C-alpha atoms as a PDB file:
ATOM      1  CA  UNK A   1     -15.231  23.483  -0.235  1.00  0.00           C
ATOM      2  CA  UNK A   2     -13.269  20.731   1.485  1.00  0.00           C
ATOM      3  CA  UNK A   3     -11.184  21.930   4.405  1.00  0.00           C
ATOM      4  CA  UNK A   4      -7.376  21.491   4.128  1.00  0.00           C
ATOM      5  CA  UNK A   5      -7.349  19.649   7.468  1.00  0.00           C
ATOM      6  CA  UNK A   6      -9.772  17.044   6.133  1.00  0.00           C
ATOM      7  CA  UNK A   7      -7.685  16.579   2.997  1.00  0.00           C
ATOM      8  CA  UNK A   8      -4.560  16.075   5.121  1.00  0.00           C
ATOM      9  CA  UNK A   9      -6.283  13.503   7.318  1.00  0.00           C
ATOM     10  CA  UNK A  10      -7.613  11.603   4.316  1.00  0.00           C
ATOM     11  CA  UNK A  11      -4.212  11.703   2.614  1.00  0.00           C
ATOM     12  CA  UNK A  12      -2.295  10.430   5.643  1.00  0.00           C
ATOM     13  CA  UNK A  13      -4.881   7.712   6.360  1.00  0.00           C
ATOM     14  CA  UNK A  14      -4.706   6.628   2.716  1.00  0.00           C
ATOM     15  CA  UNK A  15      -0.904   6.363   2.846  1.00  0.00           C
ATOM     16  CA  UNK A  16      -1.056   4.362   6.073  1.00  0.00           C
ATOM     17  CA  UNK A  17      -3.651   2.022   4.580  1.00  0.00           C
ATOM     18  CA  UNK A  18      -1.615   1.586   1.413  1.00  0.00           C
ATOM     19  CA  UNK A  19       1.288  -0.198   3.130  1.00  0.00           C
ATOM     20  CA  UNK A  20       1.154  -3.675   1.447  1.00  0.00           C
ATOM     21  CA  UNK A  21       2.034  -5.885   4.403  1.00  0.00           C
ATOM     22  CA  UNK A  22       1.141  -9.138   2.621  1.00  0.00           C
ATOM     23  CA  UNK A  23       3.551  -8.338  -0.197  1.00  0.00           C
ATOM     24  CA  UNK A  24       6.307  -7.139   2.128  1.00  0.00           C
ATOM     25  CA  UNK A  25       6.094 -10.074   4.538  1.00  0.00           C
ATOM     26  CA  UNK A  26       6.169 -12.737   1.831  1.00  0.00           C
ATOM     27  CA  UNK A  27       9.112 -11.051   0.105  1.00  0.00           C
ATOM     28  CA  UNK A  28      11.022 -10.764   3.371  1.00  0.00           C
ATOM     29  CA  UNK A  29      10.318 -14.462   4.001  1.00  0.00           C
ATOM     30  CA  UNK A  30      11.846 -15.339   0.625  1.00  0.00           C
ATOM     31  CA  UNK A  31       8.576 -16.485  -0.943  1.00  0.00           C
ATOM     32  CA  UNK A  32       8.671 -14.151  -3.907  1.00  0.00           C
ATOM     33  CA  UNK A  33       5.874 -11.894  -5.045  1.00  0.00           C
ATOM     34  CA  UNK A  34       2.512 -12.804  -3.508  1.00  0.00           C
ATOM     35  CA  UNK A  35       0.852 -11.334  -6.598  1.00  0.00           C
ATOM     36  CA  UNK A  36       2.167 -14.302  -8.585  1.00  0.00           C
ATOM     37  CA  UNK A  37       0.417 -16.794  -6.271  1.00  0.00           C
ATOM     38  CA  UNK A  38      -3.203 -17.921  -6.214  1.00  0.00           C
ATOM     39  CA  UNK A  39      -5.609 -15.051  -6.788  1.00  0.00           C
ATOM     40  CA  UNK A  40      -2.796 -12.492  -6.985  1.00  0.00           C
ATOM     41  CA  UNK A  41      -4.291 -10.641  -4.013  1.00  0.00           C
ATOM     42  CA  UNK A  42      -2.052  -9.055  -1.357  1.00  0.00           C
ATOM     43  CA  UNK A  43      -4.365  -9.928   1.540  1.00  0.00           C
ATOM     44  CA  UNK A  44      -4.163 -12.587   4.238  1.00  0.00           C
ATOM     45  CA  UNK A  45      -6.345 -15.115   2.372  1.00  0.00           C
ATOM     46  CA  UNK A  46      -3.904 -15.266  -0.505  1.00  0.00           C
ATOM     47  CA  UNK A  47      -0.870 -15.203   1.803  1.00  0.00           C
ATOM     48  CA  UNK A  48      -2.293 -18.367   3.364  1.00  0.00           C
ATOM     49  CA  UNK A  49      -1.830 -20.057   0.000  1.00  0.00           C
ATOM     50  CA  UNK A  50       1.928 -19.889   0.538  1.00  0.00           C
ATOM     51  CA  UNK A  51       1.405 -22.526   3.207  1.00  0.00           C
ATOM     52  CA  UNK A  52       2.501 -20.244   6.047  1.00  0.00           C
ATOM     53  CA  UNK A  53      -0.225 -19.692   8.608  1.00  0.00           C
ATOM     54  CA  UNK A  54       2.117 -17.469  10.588  1.00  0.00           C
ATOM     55  CA  UNK A  55       2.604 -15.080   7.682  1.00  0.00           C
ATOM     56  CA  UNK A  56      -1.116 -15.110   6.926  1.00  0.00           C
ATOM     57  CA  UNK A  57      -1.947 -14.288  10.547  1.00  0.00           C
ATOM     58  CA  UNK A  58       0.680 -11.546  10.645  1.00  0.00           C
ATOM     59  CA  UNK A  59      -0.749 -10.083   7.435  1.00  0.00           C
ATOM     60  CA  UNK A  60      -4.278 -10.201   8.853  1.00  0.00           C
ATOM     61  CA  UNK A  61      -3.249  -8.440  12.060  1.00  0.00           C
ATOM     62  CA  UNK A  62      -1.144  -5.802  10.326  1.00  0.00           C
ATOM     63  CA  UNK A  63      -3.752  -5.098   7.652  1.00  0.00           C
ATOM     64  CA  UNK A  64      -6.364  -4.727  10.353  1.00  0.00           C
ATOM     65  CA  UNK A  65      -4.019  -2.736  12.544  1.00  0.00           C
ATOM     66  CA  UNK A  66      -3.350  -0.057   9.951  1.00  0.00           C
ATOM     67  CA  UNK A  67      -7.080   0.574   9.544  1.00  0.00           C
ATOM     68  CA  UNK A  68      -7.654   0.794  13.282  1.00  0.00           C
ATOM     69  CA  UNK A  69      -4.551   2.952  13.755  1.00  0.00           C
ATOM     70  CA  UNK A  70      -5.676   5.486  11.159  1.00  0.00           C
ATOM     71  CA  UNK A  71      -9.026   5.878  12.912  1.00  0.00           C
ATOM     72  CA  UNK A  72      -7.487   5.946  16.390  1.00  0.00           C
ATOM     73  CA  UNK A  73      -4.948   8.637  15.508  1.00  0.00           C
ATOM     74  CA  UNK A  74      -7.627  10.898  14.071  1.00  0.00           C
ATOM     75  CA  UNK A  75      -9.901  10.269  17.058  1.00  0.00           C
ATOM     76  CA  UNK A  76      -7.134  11.155  19.520  1.00  0.00           C
ATOM     77  CA  UNK A  77      -5.956  14.249  17.654  1.00  0.00           C
ATOM     78  CA  UNK A  78      -9.338  15.690  16.658  1.00  0.00           C
ATOM     79  CA  UNK A  79     -11.896  13.973  18.891  1.00  0.00           C
ATOM     80  CA  UNK A  80     -14.187  14.031  15.851  1.00  0.00           C
ATOM     81  CA  UNK A  81     -15.942  10.703  15.222  1.00  0.00           C
ATOM     82  CA  UNK A  82     -17.155  11.778  11.791  1.00  0.00           C
ATOM     83  CA  UNK A  83     -13.635  12.732  10.719  1.00  0.00           C
ATOM     84  CA  UNK A  84     -12.450   9.373  12.036  1.00  0.00           C
ATOM     85  CA  UNK A  85     -15.051   7.713   9.821  1.00  0.00           C
ATOM     86  CA  UNK A  86     -13.595   9.359   6.739  1.00  0.00           C
ATOM     87  CA  UNK A  87     -10.116   8.352   7.874  1.00  0.00           C
ATOM     88  CA  UNK A  88     -11.281   4.733   8.052  1.00  0.00           C
ATOM     89  CA  UNK A  89     -12.605   4.944   4.513  1.00  0.00           C
ATOM     90  CA  UNK A  90      -9.335   6.477   3.328  1.00  0.00           C
ATOM     91  CA  UNK A  91      -7.270   3.726   4.989  1.00  0.00           C
ATOM     92  CA  UNK A  92      -9.424   1.051   3.386  1.00  0.00           C
ATOM     93  CA  UNK A  93      -9.104   2.818   0.028  1.00  0.00           C
ATOM     94  CA  UNK A  94      -5.333   2.818   0.470  1.00  0.00           C
ATOM     95  CA  UNK A  95      -5.335  -0.943   1.000  1.00  0.00           C
ATOM     96  CA  UNK A  96      -7.598  -1.611  -1.976  1.00  0.00           C
ATOM     97  CA  UNK A  97      -5.955   0.889  -4.348  1.00  0.00           C
ATOM     98  CA  UNK A  98      -2.367   1.488  -3.160  1.00  0.00           C
ATOM     99  CA  UNK A  99      -0.433   4.011  -5.197  1.00  0.00           C
ATOM    100  CA  UNK A 100       2.756   1.945  -4.746  1.00  0.00           C
ATOM    101  CA  UNK A 101       1.230  -1.052  -6.567  1.00  0.00           C
ATOM    102  CA  UNK A 102      -0.378   0.870  -9.437  1.00  0.00           C
ATOM    103  CA  UNK A 103      -3.680   0.944  -7.539  1.00  0.00           C
ATOM    104  CA  UNK A 104      -3.988  -2.856  -7.497  1.00  0.00           C
ATOM    105  CA  UNK A 105      -4.342  -4.023  -3.900  1.00  0.00           C
ATOM    106  CA  UNK A 106      -6.522  -6.169  -1.695  1.00  0.00           C
ATOM    107  CA  UNK A 107     -10.231  -6.340  -1.012  1.00  0.00           C
ATOM    108  CA  UNK A 108     -10.149  -4.417   2.225  1.00  0.00           C
ATOM    109  CA  UNK A 109     -11.962  -6.835   4.513  1.00  0.00           C
ATOM    110  CA  UNK A 110      -9.471  -6.883   7.401  1.00  0.00           C
ATOM    111  CA  UNK A 111      -8.500  -3.216   7.059  1.00  0.00           C
ATOM    112  CA  UNK A 112     -12.106  -2.129   6.717  1.00  0.00           C
ATOM    113  CA  UNK A 113     -13.412  -4.270   9.565  1.00  0.00           C
ATOM    114  CA  UNK A 114     -10.764  -3.044  11.991  1.00  0.00           C
ATOM    115  CA  UNK A 115     -11.352   0.556  10.937  1.00  0.00           C
ATOM    116  CA  UNK A 116     -15.100   0.074  11.338  1.00  0.00           C
ATOM    117  CA  UNK A 117     -14.662  -1.395  14.815  1.00  0.00           C
ATOM    118  CA  UNK A 118     -12.487   1.570  15.777  1.00  0.00           C
ATOM    119  CA  UNK A 119     -15.088   3.998  14.414  1.00  0.00           C
ATOM    120  CA  UNK A 120     -18.099   2.271  15.992  1.00  0.00           C
ATOM    121  CA  UNK A 121     -17.537  -0.918  17.945  1.00  0.00           C
ATOM    122  CA  UNK A 122     -21.210  -1.997  17.796  1.00  0.00           C
ATOM    123  CA  UNK A 123     -21.193  -1.759  13.981  1.00  0.00           C
ATOM    124  CA  UNK A 124     -17.877  -3.613  13.884  1.00  0.00           C
ATOM    125  CA  UNK A 125     -19.284  -6.323  16.148  1.00  0.00           C
ATOM    126  CA  UNK A 126     -22.382  -6.700  13.965  1.00  0.00           C
ATOM    127  CA  UNK A 127     -20.236  -7.076  10.869  1.00  0.00           C
ATOM    128  CA  UNK A 128     -17.958  -9.620  12.560  1.00  0.00           C
ATOM    129  CA  UNK A 129     -20.889 -11.698  13.836  1.00  0.00           C
ATOM    130  CA  UNK A 130     -22.563 -11.723  10.416  1.00  0.00           C
ATOM    131  CA  UNK A 131     -19.255 -12.729   8.824  1.00  0.00           C
ATOM    132  CA  UNK A 132     -18.854 -15.610  11.275  1.00  0.00           C
ATOM    133  CA  UNK A 133     -22.448 -16.781  10.828  1.00  0.00           C
ATOM    134  CA  UNK A 134     -22.341 -16.798   7.021  1.00  0.00           C
ATOM    135  CA  UNK A 135     -18.875 -18.371   6.995  1.00  0.00           C
ATOM    136  CA  UNK A 136     -20.046 -21.135   9.343  1.00  0.00           C
ATOM    137  CA  UNK A 137     -23.186 -21.827   7.305  1.00  0.00           C
ATOM    138  CA  UNK A 138     -21.784 -21.681   3.782  1.00  0.00           C
ATOM    139  CA  UNK A 139     -17.990 -21.933   4.160  1.00  0.00           C
ATOM    140  CA  UNK A 140     -17.515 -19.201   1.555  1.00  0.00           C
ATOM    141  CA  UNK A 141     -15.241 -16.361   2.630  1.00  0.00           C
ATOM    142  CA  UNK A 142     -16.392 -13.882  -0.005  1.00  0.00           C
ATOM    143  CA  UNK A 143     -20.072 -14.417   0.809  1.00  0.00           C
ATOM    144  CA  UNK A 144     -19.320 -13.843   4.482  1.00  0.00           C
ATOM    145  CA  UNK A 145     -17.476 -10.602   3.713  1.00  0.00           C
ATOM    146  CA  UNK A 146     -20.236  -9.329   1.427  1.00  0.00           C
ATOM    147  CA  UNK A 147     -22.913 -10.124   4.012  1.00  0.00           C
ATOM    148  CA  UNK A 148     -20.905  -8.427   6.742  1.00  0.00           C
ATOM    149  CA  UNK A 149     -20.491  -5.276   4.694  1.00  0.00           C
ATOM    150  CA  UNK A 150     -24.194  -5.251   3.950  1.00  0.00           C
ATOM    151  CA  UNK A 151     -25.041  -5.529   7.654  1.00  0.00           C
ATOM    152  CA  UNK A 152     -22.748  -2.742   8.890  1.00  0.00           C
ATOM    153  CA  UNK A 153     -24.368   0.276   7.181  1.00  0.00           C
ATOM    154  CA  UNK A 154     -27.834  -1.178   7.820  1.00  0.00           C
ATOM    155  CA  UNK A 155     -27.008  -1.239  11.524  1.00  0.00           C
ATOM    156  CA  UNK A 156     -25.948   2.397  11.405  1.00  0.00           C
ATOM    157  CA  UNK A 157     -29.130   3.345   9.530  1.00  0.00           C
ATOM    158  CA  UNK A 158     -31.021   1.784  12.433  1.00  0.00           C
ATOM    159  CA  UNK A 159     -28.921   2.799  15.406  1.00  0.00           C
ATOM    160  CA  UNK A 160     -26.709   5.643  14.173  1.00  0.00           C
ATOM    161  CA  UNK A 161     -24.824   7.832  14.629  1.00  0.00           C
ATOM    162  CA  UNK A 162     -26.147   9.322  11.418  1.00  0.00           C
ATOM    163  CA  UNK A 163     -22.889  11.059  10.537  1.00  0.00           C
ATOM    164  CA  UNK A 164     -21.137   7.717  10.036  1.00  0.00           C
ATOM    165  CA  UNK A 165     -23.678   6.294   7.602  1.00  0.00           C
ATOM    166  CA  UNK A 166     -22.124   7.832   4.491  1.00  0.00           C
ATOM    167  CA  UNK A 167     -18.454   6.859   5.050  1.00  0.00           C
ATOM    168  CA  UNK A 168     -19.389   3.351   6.188  1.00  0.00           C
ATOM    169  CA  UNK A 169     -21.756   2.900   3.243  1.00  0.00           C
ATOM    170  CA  UNK A 170     -18.921   3.936   0.931  1.00  0.00           C
ATOM    171  CA  UNK A 171     -16.637   1.427   2.669  1.00  0.00           C
ATOM    172  CA  UNK A 172     -19.211  -1.294   2.035  1.00  0.00           C
ATOM    173  CA  UNK A 173     -19.609  -0.238  -1.587  1.00  0.00           C
ATOM    174  CA  UNK A 174     -15.829  -0.291  -2.067  1.00  0.00           C
ATOM    175  CA  UNK A 175     -15.615  -3.833  -0.706  1.00  0.00           C
ATOM    176  CA  UNK A 176     -18.478  -5.010  -2.914  1.00  0.00           C
ATOM    177  CA  UNK A 177     -16.776  -3.491  -5.965  1.00  0.00           C
ATOM    178  CA  UNK A 178     -13.491  -5.201  -5.068  1.00  0.00           C
ATOM    179  CA  UNK A 179     -15.377  -8.503  -4.824  1.00  0.00           C
ATOM    180  CA  UNK A 180     -16.909  -8.209  -8.313  1.00  0.00           C
ATOM    181  CA  UNK A 181     -15.239 -11.379  -9.587  1.00  0.00           C
ATOM    182  CA  UNK A 182     -16.334 -13.292  -6.489  1.00  0.00           C
ATOM    183  CA  UNK A 183     -19.900 -12.084  -6.996  1.00  0.00           C
ATOM    184  CA  UNK A 184     -19.884 -13.446 -10.544  1.00  0.00           C
ATOM    185  CA  UNK A 185     -18.675 -16.822  -9.289  1.00  0.00           C
ATOM    186  CA  UNK A 186     -21.233 -16.822  -6.473  1.00  0.00           C
ATOM    187  CA  UNK A 187     -24.006 -16.246  -8.993  1.00  0.00           C
ATOM    188  CA  UNK A 188     -22.596 -18.989 -11.197  1.00  0.00           C
ATOM    189  CA  UNK A 189     -22.217 -21.383  -8.253  1.00  0.00           C
ATOM    190  CA  UNK A 190     -18.477 -21.797  -8.852  1.00  0.00           C
ATOM    191  CA  UNK A 191     -17.061 -19.827  -5.921  1.00  0.00           C
ATOM    192  CA  UNK A 192     -14.528 -21.788  -3.878  1.00  0.00           C
ATOM    193  CA  UNK A 193     -15.225 -22.779  -0.307  1.00  0.00           C
ATOM    194  CA  UNK A 194     -13.005 -22.211   2.694  1.00  0.00           C
ATOM    195  CA  UNK A 195     -10.383 -24.879   3.122  1.00  0.00           C
ATOM    196  CA  UNK A 196     -10.093 -25.652  -0.569  1.00  0.00           C
ATOM    197  CA  UNK A 197      -7.122 -24.517  -2.604  1.00  0.00           C
ATOM    198  CA  UNK A 198      -8.883 -22.566  -5.305  1.00  0.00           C
ATOM    199  CA  UNK A 199      -8.865 -18.948  -6.305  1.00  0.00           C
ATOM    200  CA  UNK A 200     -11.318 -16.727  -4.499  1.00  0.00           C
END
């Protein structure tokens, strides 16, 4: 049976992660609904398509910040790293499937990466380095994200702690599922490259 405290932590982390900063920032800036632009995603990559690097950067930092904050709050209150891992997953789930937007949100890369780094900084560093390497080699953002999320749980399988393997693996699986359209385009060789104004 799941403890009430765990359910409360997961619920609060989910609500924190579900704040759609990309949508809110673009509306406040008078740019309309970000879901009507480009890929329709609420994340920083799609916000960049508005032409505002400042808004895209703000979205990236805030989306990452809410993931890290959820993990940090749980770590401070409970001191339980495993519980913090589940909080990170819940925050990422909130970003990807926000109740306020009929469960249609972003892909969770920034939120998930920041949460992962807050849970286990070595795993977060591994994911970030793999992302940068793949992005530099292939200039495809989705491929970099997928590779990074593959590397993170593999690192934990190798180095531990073992208790974080399951929540981080579920975070990786969630990101891969949210990238299903990108995966199809990668297999077809039609995925857009970074710096080009195409849907990703």
